[in-house]
Amino acid sequence: MTLLVIIYVLIFIIFALAAYAVMQIKLAGINVKDFWSFIEANQILDKLYEFSKKYEKLTPQQQVVYLLEAEKVFTAFDKIPDIVWEDEFKKYDEVLKKYKEIKIDRWVSNS
């Protein structure tokens, strides 16, 4: 009986913490879906940052993939206030520089 009460209390605490987190996200003026997209985009940003540091030249196929993934990141980050992700600004800026470089190279090669 005591074990059952403890389990119910723990489940209640978990739901209360989840509700509190959702409430804080909504109070910040962010949709929960947008915040979840931001979390996923943050993981992609880390990968793109490492990729941009590792490879100087990319094949055309790699460029297309990089551009598509970077656009997903930029879209997700645009929906979130800057103060939330200001510690990721350096990575964001490096990915943006590589994105612009690829776009210019592709534009020059198509002209």
Protein backbone atom coordinates (compact mmCIF):
# COMPACT_ATOMS: atom_id res chain seq x y z
CA MET A 1 0.00 0.00 0.00
CA THR A 2 2.81 2.42 0.94
CA LEU A 3 4.65 1.61 -2.29
CA LEU A 4 1.54 2.41 -4.30
CA VAL A 5 1.18 5.80 -2.60
CA ILE A 6 4.83 6.60 -3.31
CA ILE A 7 4.38 5.70 -6.98
CA TYR A 8 1.30 7.92 -7.25
CA VAL A 9 3.13 10.81 -5.60
CA LEU A 10 6.10 10.43 -7.96
CA ILE A 11 3.82 10.31 -11.00
CA PHE A 12 2.02 13.43 -9.77
CA ILE A 13 5.35 15.23 -9.29
CA ILE A 14 6.46 14.30 -12.81
CA PHE A 15 3.24 15.61 -14.35
CA ALA A 16 3.42 18.76 -12.22
CA LEU A 17 6.99 19.45 -13.39
CA ALA A 18 6.02 18.88 -17.03
CA ALA A 19 3.04 21.21 -16.68
CA TYR A 20 5.24 23.83 -15.03
CA ALA A 21 7.77 23.61 -17.88
CA VAL A 22 5.02 24.00 -20.49
CA MET A 23 3.59 26.95 -18.55
CA GLN A 24 7.00 28.65 -18.46
CA ILE A 25 7.45 28.14 -22.20
CA LYS A 26 4.03 29.62 -22.91
CA LEU A 27 4.67 32.55 -20.55
CA ALA A 28 7.80 33.32 -22.55
CA GLY A 29 5.55 33.67 -25.61
CA ILE A 30 6.80 30.53 -27.33
CA ASN A 31 4.68 27.71 -28.72
CA VAL A 32 5.63 24.32 -27.33
CA LYS A 33 5.88 22.93 -30.86
CA ASP A 34 8.26 25.75 -31.84
CA PHE A 35 10.35 25.12 -28.73
CA TRP A 36 10.58 21.42 -29.55
CA SER A 37 11.65 22.30 -33.11
CA PHE A 38 14.28 24.59 -31.59
CA ILE A 39 15.66 21.74 -29.48
CA GLU A 40 15.91 19.51 -32.55
CA ALA A 41 17.43 22.35 -34.59
CA ASN A 42 19.99 22.90 -31.86
CA GLN A 43 21.20 19.33 -32.33
CA ILE A 44 21.39 19.86 -36.10
CA LEU A 45 23.27 23.12 -35.50
CA ASP A 46 25.93 21.26 -33.53
CA LYS A 47 26.38 18.77 -36.36
CA LEU A 48 26.50 21.47 -39.03
CA TYR A 49 29.02 23.45 -36.99
CA GLU A 50 31.33 20.44 -36.72
CA PHE A 51 30.82 19.68 -40.39
CA SER A 52 31.65 23.24 -41.45
CA LYS A 53 34.84 23.17 -39.39
CA LYS A 54 35.91 19.77 -40.70
CA TYR A 55 35.35 20.17 -44.44
CA GLU A 56 36.60 23.14 -46.43
CA LYS A 57 35.27 22.02 -49.82
CA LEU A 58 32.00 20.20 -50.31
CA THR A 59 30.64 18.23 -53.23
CA PRO A 60 27.53 19.67 -54.91
CA GLN A 61 25.38 17.02 -53.22
CA GLN A 62 26.86 17.82 -49.80
CA GLN A 63 26.25 21.50 -50.45
CA VAL A 64 22.57 20.90 -51.15
CA VAL A 65 22.17 18.83 -48.00
CA TYR A 66 24.03 21.45 -45.96
CA LEU A 67 21.85 24.24 -47.33
CA LEU A 68 18.62 22.38 -46.61
CA GLU A 69 19.62 21.48 -43.07
CA ALA A 70 20.87 25.00 -42.37
CA GLU A 71 17.58 26.47 -43.56
CA LYS A 72 15.72 24.21 -41.12
CA VAL A 73 17.95 25.49 -38.32
CA PHE A 74 17.48 29.13 -39.30
CA THR A 75 13.69 28.72 -39.45
CA ALA A 76 13.53 27.10 -36.01
CA PHE A 77 15.86 29.66 -34.44
CA ASP A 78 13.85 32.56 -35.90
CA LYS A 79 10.78 31.46 -33.94
CA ILE A 80 12.61 31.61 -30.59
CA PRO A 81 13.68 34.81 -28.81
CA ASP A 82 17.39 35.57 -29.15
CA ILE A 83 17.97 35.56 -25.41
CA VAL A 84 17.14 31.84 -25.25
CA TRP A 85 19.91 30.85 -27.66
CA GLU A 86 22.49 33.59 -27.20
CA ASP A 87 25.07 31.07 -25.95
CA GLU A 88 24.78 29.24 -29.30
CA PHE A 89 25.34 32.42 -31.32
CA LYS A 90 28.95 31.56 -32.27
CA LYS A 91 27.91 28.23 -33.79
CA TYR A 92 24.92 29.86 -35.48
CA ASP A 93 27.16 32.55 -36.96
CA GLU A 94 29.71 30.03 -38.27
CA VAL A 95 26.98 27.93 -39.89
CA LEU A 96 25.48 31.09 -41.38
CA LYS A 97 28.87 32.11 -42.82
CA LYS A 98 29.33 28.70 -44.42
CA TYR A 99 25.74 28.85 -45.71
CA LYS A 100 26.38 32.22 -47.35
CA GLU A 101 29.68 31.00 -48.79
CA ILE A 102 28.00 27.97 -50.38
CA LYS A 103 25.13 30.10 -51.73
CA ILE A 104 27.58 32.55 -53.33
CA ASP A 105 29.71 29.74 -54.80
CA ARG A 106 26.62 28.07 -56.27
CA TRP A 107 25.36 31.38 -57.64
CA VAL A 108 28.73 32.13 -59.28
CA SER A 109 28.99 28.65 -60.76
CA ASN A 110 25.44 28.88 -62.20
CA SER A 111 26.05 32.31 -63.75
